[in-house]
C-alpha atoms as a PDB file:
ATOM      1  CA  MET A   1      13.831   1.036  -6.747  1.00  0.00           C
ATOM      2  CA  ASN A   2      11.568   1.186  -9.835  1.00  0.00           C
ATOM      3  CA  ILE A   3      10.638   4.150 -12.089  1.00  0.00           C
ATOM      4  CA  TYR A   4       7.570   5.199 -13.743  1.00  0.00           C
ATOM      5  CA  ARG A   5       7.092   7.752 -15.800  1.00  0.00           C
ATOM      6  CA  ASN A   6       3.205   8.382 -16.499  1.00  0.00           C
ATOM      7  CA  THR A   7       0.369   7.287 -14.724  1.00  0.00           C
ATOM      8  CA  ALA A   8      -0.504   4.513 -17.527  1.00  0.00           C
ATOM      9  CA  GLU A   9       2.538   2.519 -16.635  1.00  0.00           C
ATOM     10  CA  ILE A  10       1.860   2.829 -12.301  1.00  0.00           C
ATOM     11  CA  PRO A  11       0.837  -0.818 -11.056  1.00  0.00           C
ATOM     12  CA  ALA A  12      -1.334  -1.238  -8.344  1.00  0.00           C
ATOM     13  CA  PHE A  13       1.040  -1.170  -5.179  1.00  0.00           C
ATOM     14  CA  ARG A  14       0.632  -2.861  -1.644  1.00  0.00           C
ATOM     15  CA  LYS A  15      -0.688  -0.580   0.774  1.00  0.00           C
ATOM     16  CA  PRO A  16       1.035   2.336  -0.752  1.00  0.00           C
ATOM     17  CA  VAL A  17       2.324   4.611   1.544  1.00  0.00           C
ATOM     18  CA  ILE A  18       2.953   7.892  -0.655  1.00  0.00           C
ATOM     19  CA  THR A  19       4.413  11.569  -0.615  1.00  0.00           C
ATOM     20  CA  ILE A  20       4.368  13.906  -3.162  1.00  0.00           C
ATOM     21  CA  GLY A  21       6.669  17.090  -4.043  1.00  0.00           C
ATOM     22  CA  SER A  22       9.522  18.213  -6.007  1.00  0.00           C
ATOM     23  CA  PHE A  23      12.214  16.999  -4.113  1.00  0.00           C
ATOM     24  CA  ASP A  24      15.127  19.495  -5.386  1.00  0.00           C
ATOM     25  CA  GLY A  25      18.028  18.693  -3.640  1.00  0.00           C
ATOM     26  CA  VAL A  26      16.392  15.531  -1.683  1.00  0.00           C
ATOM     27  CA  HIS A  27      17.551  17.886   1.196  1.00  0.00           C
ATOM     28  CA  ARG A  28      17.672  17.026   5.106  1.00  0.00           C
ATOM     29  CA  GLY A  29      13.803  17.729   5.372  1.00  0.00           C
ATOM     30  CA  HIS A  30      13.007  15.745   2.466  1.00  0.00           C
ATOM     31  CA  GLN A  31      14.899  12.751   4.117  1.00  0.00           C
ATOM     32  CA  LYS A  32      12.844  13.287   7.135  1.00  0.00           C
ATOM     33  CA  ILE A  33       9.870  12.284   4.746  1.00  0.00           C
ATOM     34  CA  LEU A  34      11.316   9.544   3.121  1.00  0.00           C
ATOM     35  CA  GLU A  35      12.512   7.969   6.468  1.00  0.00           C
ATOM     36  CA  ARG A  36       9.091   8.198   7.280  1.00  0.00           C
ATOM     37  CA  ILE A  37       7.277   6.430   4.281  1.00  0.00           C
ATOM     38  CA  ARG A  38       9.682   3.810   4.709  1.00  0.00           C
ATOM     39  CA  ASN A  39       9.065   2.943   8.110  1.00  0.00           C
ATOM     40  CA  ILE A  40       5.349   3.082   8.246  1.00  0.00           C
ATOM     41  CA  ALA A  41       5.728   0.969   4.701  1.00  0.00           C
ATOM     42  CA  GLU A  42       7.431  -1.645   6.471  1.00  0.00           C
ATOM     43  CA  GLU A  43       5.246  -1.557   9.948  1.00  0.00           C
ATOM     44  CA  THR A  44       2.252  -1.986   7.769  1.00  0.00           C
ATOM     45  CA  GLY A  45       3.518  -4.269   5.029  1.00  0.00           C
ATOM     46  CA  GLY A  46       3.084  -1.618   2.699  1.00  0.00           C
ATOM     47  CA  GLU A  47       5.441  -0.181  -0.163  1.00  0.00           C
ATOM     48  CA  SER A  48       6.950   3.381  -0.073  1.00  0.00           C
ATOM     49  CA  VAL A  49       5.782   5.616  -3.351  1.00  0.00           C
ATOM     50  CA  VAL A  50       7.413   9.065  -3.962  1.00  0.00           C
ATOM     51  CA  ILE A  51       5.492  10.923  -7.131  1.00  0.00           C
ATOM     52  CA  THR A  52       7.303  13.636  -8.500  1.00  0.00           C
ATOM     53  CA  PHE A  53       7.037  15.856 -11.343  1.00  0.00           C
ATOM     54  CA  HIS A  54       9.230  16.992 -14.393  1.00  0.00           C
ATOM     55  CA  PRO A  55       9.693  19.529 -15.352  1.00  0.00           C
ATOM     56  CA  HIS A  56       9.623  21.748 -12.420  1.00  0.00           C
ATOM     57  CA  PRO A  57       6.244  23.239 -11.863  1.00  0.00           C
ATOM     58  CA  ARG A  58       7.737  26.435 -11.663  1.00  0.00           C
ATOM     59  CA  LYS A  59       9.021  25.782 -14.933  1.00  0.00           C
ATOM     60  CA  ILE A  60       5.411  25.359 -16.312  1.00  0.00           C
ATOM     61  CA  ILE A  61       3.766  27.553 -14.126  1.00  0.00           C
ATOM     62  CA  PHE A  62       5.924  30.303 -15.080  1.00  0.00           C
ATOM     63  CA  PRO A  63       7.573  30.012 -18.311  1.00  0.00           C
ATOM     64  CA  LYS A  64       9.314  33.096 -18.450  1.00  0.00           C
ATOM     65  CA  ASP A  65      10.705  33.104 -15.069  1.00  0.00           C
ATOM     66  CA  SER A  66      14.575  32.227 -15.296  1.00  0.00           C
ATOM     67  CA  SER A  67      15.605  32.713 -11.961  1.00  0.00           C
ATOM     68  CA  LEU A  68      14.896  29.224 -10.445  1.00  0.00           C
ATOM     69  CA  ARG A  69      17.831  27.660 -10.398  1.00  0.00           C
ATOM     70  CA  LEU A  70      17.127  23.673  -9.609  1.00  0.00           C
ATOM     71  CA  LEU A  71      19.772  21.620  -7.215  1.00  0.00           C
ATOM     72  CA  ASN A  72      20.111  18.777  -9.154  1.00  0.00           C
ATOM     73  CA  THR A  73      19.390  16.971 -12.506  1.00  0.00           C
ATOM     74  CA  LEU A  74      16.152  14.386 -12.451  1.00  0.00           C
ATOM     75  CA  ASP A  75      18.701  12.016 -12.628  1.00  0.00           C
ATOM     76  CA  GLU A  76      20.448  13.147 -10.014  1.00  0.00           C
ATOM     77  CA  LYS A  77      17.248  13.244  -7.968  1.00  0.00           C
ATOM     78  CA  LEU A  78      16.260   9.938  -8.690  1.00  0.00           C
ATOM     79  CA  GLU A  79      20.016   8.833  -7.689  1.00  0.00           C
ATOM     80  CA  LEU A  80      19.309  10.569  -4.252  1.00  0.00           C
ATOM     81  CA  LEU A  81      15.808   8.321  -4.014  1.00  0.00           C
ATOM     82  CA  GLN A  82      17.335   5.146  -4.836  1.00  0.00           C
ATOM     83  CA  LYS A  83      20.269   5.909  -1.948  1.00  0.00           C
ATOM     84  CA  TYR A  84      17.465   6.485   1.061  1.00  0.00           C
ATOM     85  CA  LYS A  85      15.662   3.344  -0.284  1.00  0.00           C
ATOM     86  CA  VAL A  86      12.859   4.263  -1.960  1.00  0.00           C
ATOM     87  CA  ASP A  87      10.111   1.340  -3.301  1.00  0.00           C
ATOM     88  CA  HIS A  88       8.906   3.733  -5.955  1.00  0.00           C
ATOM     89  CA  VAL A  89       9.500   6.845  -7.589  1.00  0.00           C
ATOM     90  CA  CYS A  90       6.636   8.146 -10.152  1.00  0.00           C
ATOM     91  CA  VAL A  91       8.064  10.975 -12.384  1.00  0.00           C
ATOM     92  CA  LEU A  92       5.162  12.220 -13.617  1.00  0.00           C
ATOM     93  CA  PRO A  93       4.492  15.021 -16.004  1.00  0.00           C
ATOM     94  CA  PHE A  94       3.877  18.695 -15.466  1.00  0.00           C
ATOM     95  CA  SER A  95       1.484  20.125 -17.509  1.00  0.00           C
ATOM     96  CA  VAL A  96      -0.446  23.956 -17.940  1.00  0.00           C
ATOM     97  CA  GLU A  97      -3.401  21.450 -17.581  1.00  0.00           C
ATOM     98  CA  PHE A  98      -2.197  19.029 -15.005  1.00  0.00           C
ATOM     99  CA  SER A  99      -1.680  22.549 -12.774  1.00  0.00           C
ATOM    100  CA  GLN A 100      -5.407  23.780 -13.609  1.00  0.00           C
ATOM    101  CA  MET A 101      -6.724  20.993 -11.700  1.00  0.00           C
ATOM    102  CA  HIS A 102      -9.108  21.959  -8.660  1.00  0.00           C
ATOM    103  CA  PRO A 103      -7.611  20.697  -5.748  1.00  0.00           C
ATOM    104  CA  ALA A 104     -10.470  18.322  -4.949  1.00  0.00           C
ATOM    105  CA  GLU A 105     -10.247  17.102  -8.806  1.00  0.00           C
ATOM    106  CA  TYR A 106      -6.233  16.389  -7.488  1.00  0.00           C
ATOM    107  CA  VAL A 107      -7.530  14.085  -4.339  1.00  0.00           C
ATOM    108  CA  GLU A 108     -10.201  12.463  -5.909  1.00  0.00           C
ATOM    109  CA  ASN A 109      -8.981  11.760  -9.811  1.00  0.00           C
ATOM    110  CA  PHE A 110      -5.498  11.922  -9.309  1.00  0.00           C
ATOM    111  CA  LEU A 111      -4.430  10.681  -6.175  1.00  0.00           C
ATOM    112  CA  ILE A 112      -7.330   8.319  -4.694  1.00  0.00           C
ATOM    113  CA  LYS A 113      -8.014   6.772  -8.644  1.00  0.00           C
ATOM    114  CA  THR A 114      -4.200   6.628  -9.255  1.00  0.00           C
ATOM    115  CA  PHE A 115      -2.591   5.759  -6.466  1.00  0.00           C
ATOM    116  CA  HIS A 116      -5.079   4.175  -3.804  1.00  0.00           C
ATOM    117  CA  PRO A 117      -3.436   5.521  -0.635  1.00  0.00           C
ATOM    118  CA  ALA A 118      -3.078   3.919   2.282  1.00  0.00           C
ATOM    119  CA  TYR A 119      -0.711   7.003   3.904  1.00  0.00           C
ATOM    120  CA  ILE A 120      -0.356  10.287   2.730  1.00  0.00           C
ATOM    121  CA  VAL A 121       2.796  12.174   4.171  1.00  0.00           C
ATOM    122  CA  ILE A 122       3.601  15.422   3.297  1.00  0.00           C
ATOM    123  CA  GLY A 123       5.476  18.291   4.273  1.00  0.00           C
ATOM    124  CA  TYR A 124       4.276  21.048   6.833  1.00  0.00           C
ATOM    125  CA  ASP A 125       3.845  23.361   3.818  1.00  0.00           C
ATOM    126  CA  HIS A 126       2.620  20.883   1.007  1.00  0.00           C
ATOM    127  CA  LYS A 127      -0.221  22.785  -1.021  1.00  0.00           C
ATOM    128  CA  PHE A 128      -1.659  21.283  -4.705  1.00  0.00           C
ATOM    129  CA  GLY A 129      -3.866  21.775  -7.303  1.00  0.00           C
ATOM    130  CA  LEU A 130      -5.158  25.111  -8.651  1.00  0.00           C
ATOM    131  CA  ASN A 131      -3.479  28.553  -7.322  1.00  0.00           C
ATOM    132  CA  ARG A 132      -2.175  25.929  -4.973  1.00  0.00           C
ATOM    133  CA  ALA A 133      -5.600  25.979  -2.863  1.00  0.00           C
ATOM    134  CA  GLY A 134      -5.215  22.472  -1.745  1.00  0.00           C
ATOM    135  CA  ASP A 135      -3.702  21.832   1.728  1.00  0.00           C
ATOM    136  CA  ILE A 136      -3.184  18.940   4.651  1.00  0.00           C
ATOM    137  CA  HIS A 137      -7.056  20.476   5.818  1.00  0.00           C
ATOM    138  CA  LEU A 138      -8.473  19.362   2.418  1.00  0.00           C
ATOM    139  CA  LEU A 139      -6.749  16.132   2.395  1.00  0.00           C
ATOM    140  CA  ARG A 140      -7.537  15.028   5.918  1.00  0.00           C
ATOM    141  CA  SER A 141     -11.500  16.254   4.719  1.00  0.00           C
ATOM    142  CA  TYR A 142     -11.454  12.808   2.440  1.00  0.00           C
ATOM    143  CA  GLU A 143      -9.474  10.374   5.151  1.00  0.00           C
ATOM    144  CA  SER A 144     -12.632   8.693   6.391  1.00  0.00           C
ATOM    145  CA  THR A 145     -14.625   8.059   3.301  1.00  0.00           C
ATOM    146  CA  HIS A 146     -11.669   6.710   1.321  1.00  0.00           C
ATOM    147  CA  ASN A 147      -9.588   4.447   4.057  1.00  0.00           C
ATOM    148  CA  PHE A 148      -6.434   6.549   4.149  1.00  0.00           C
ATOM    149  CA  LYS A 149      -4.509   8.366   6.816  1.00  0.00           C
ATOM    150  CA  VAL A 150      -2.748  11.555   6.410  1.00  0.00           C
ATOM    151  CA  LEU A 151       0.582  12.505   8.138  1.00  0.00           C
ATOM    152  CA  GLU A 152       2.173  15.574   7.789  1.00  0.00           C
ATOM    153  CA  ILE A 153       5.830  16.034   8.955  1.00  0.00           C
ATOM    154  CA  PRO A 154       6.942  19.367  10.903  1.00  0.00           C
ATOM    155  CA  VAL A 155       9.487  22.225   9.667  1.00  0.00           C
ATOM    156  CA  GLN A 156      12.696  20.296   9.874  1.00  0.00           C
ATOM    157  CA  GLU A 157      15.260  23.001  11.850  1.00  0.00           C
ATOM    158  CA  LEU A 158      19.196  22.966  11.826  1.00  0.00           C
ATOM    159  CA  GLU A 159      20.387  24.892  14.214  1.00  0.00           C
ATOM    160  CA  GLU A 160      17.171  27.207  14.533  1.00  0.00           C
ATOM    161  CA  ILE A 161      17.034  27.636  10.664  1.00  0.00           C
ATOM    162  CA  SER A 162      14.466  25.528   8.545  1.00  0.00           C
ATOM    163  CA  ILE A 163      15.922  23.835   6.125  1.00  0.00           C
ATOM    164  CA  SER A 164      14.280  24.386   2.274  1.00  0.00           C
ATOM    165  CA  SER A 165      15.655  23.780  -1.361  1.00  0.00           C
ATOM    166  CA  THR A 166      15.394  27.620  -1.377  1.00  0.00           C
ATOM    167  CA  LYS A 167      17.447  28.355   1.521  1.00  0.00           C
ATOM    168  CA  ILE A 168      19.678  26.343   0.215  1.00  0.00           C
ATOM    169  CA  ARG A 169      20.176  27.639  -3.418  1.00  0.00           C
ATOM    170  CA  ASN A 170      20.332  31.175  -1.390  1.00  0.00           C
ATOM    171  CA  ALA A 171      23.578  29.409   0.564  1.00  0.00           C
ATOM    172  CA  LEU A 172      24.989  28.272  -2.768  1.00  0.00           C
ATOM    173  CA  GLU A 173      24.266  31.768  -4.576  1.00  0.00           C
ATOM    174  CA  ALA A 174      26.006  33.732  -1.338  1.00  0.00           C
ATOM    175  CA  GLY A 175      29.019  31.285  -2.026  1.00  0.00           C
ATOM    176  CA  ASN A 176      28.526  29.695   1.804  1.00  0.00           C
ATOM    177  CA  ILE A 177      28.639  25.257   0.705  1.00  0.00           C
ATOM    178  CA  GLN A 178      29.447  24.950   4.040  1.00  0.00           C
ATOM    179  CA  ASP A 179      25.693  25.395   4.933  1.00  0.00           C
ATOM    180  CA  ALA A 180      24.349  24.098   2.000  1.00  0.00           C
ATOM    181  CA  ASN A 181      25.926  21.033   2.136  1.00  0.00           C
ATOM    182  CA  ARG A 182      25.248  21.040   6.372  1.00  0.00           C
ATOM    183  CA  PHE A 183      21.226  21.125   5.037  1.00  0.00           C
ATOM    184  CA  LEU A 184      21.711  18.876   2.163  1.00  0.00           C
ATOM    185  CA  ASN A 185      22.977  16.322   3.872  1.00  0.00           C
ATOM    186  CA  HIS A 186      24.707  14.245   1.143  1.00  0.00           C
ATOM    187  CA  LEU A 187      28.387  13.639   1.986  1.00  0.00           C
ATOM    188  CA  THR A 188      28.207  11.223   4.770  1.00  0.00           C
ATOM    189  CA  GLY A 189      27.149   8.348   2.328  1.00  0.00           C
ATOM    190  CA  SER A 190      24.407   7.242   4.182  1.00  0.00           C
ATOM    191  CA  PRO A 191      21.469   9.185   5.533  1.00  0.00           C
ATOM    192  CA  GLU A 192      21.653  10.633   8.873  1.00  0.00           C
ATOM    193  CA  ARG A 193      19.620   9.522  11.679  1.00  0.00           C
END
């Protein structure tokens, strides 16, 4: 797995299949996204690319909010992403300026210009750009003009409970280690199918 820490380092990927997110915990829902980008990359002769940010966007947007407790460190996250056999991870600096980017500018000047995606795979609740105003509909509006496809992964559920990093944090804070472990799915040593 190759790791890039700024946009200047990023090479021209072959038919990149990208996904974007914090991936805190790399939980079961994240694992479904990773599995999908790997499979599409294999089927199309492309490369799987995860775009994540450091520090976590909430730490920049809400610097006085000390309530966010991340599920893993950056090194632990990278170790987990390697376990799920991603080709490339771009750990990009998140800043106030980046958070102020208009959603269309984010798509055009960040995603398209930097990554030239063949596919963009996102979770059902993915939002981006200033005030998190960008969504799947905006991404899809660029598909035909920029020759990429957008795929959405539906909410992943385990026994009727949607999985999210926040629910895992809440389970840990409540001392419910069993549920947190089931949501994370890291104890088996390999991805659950």
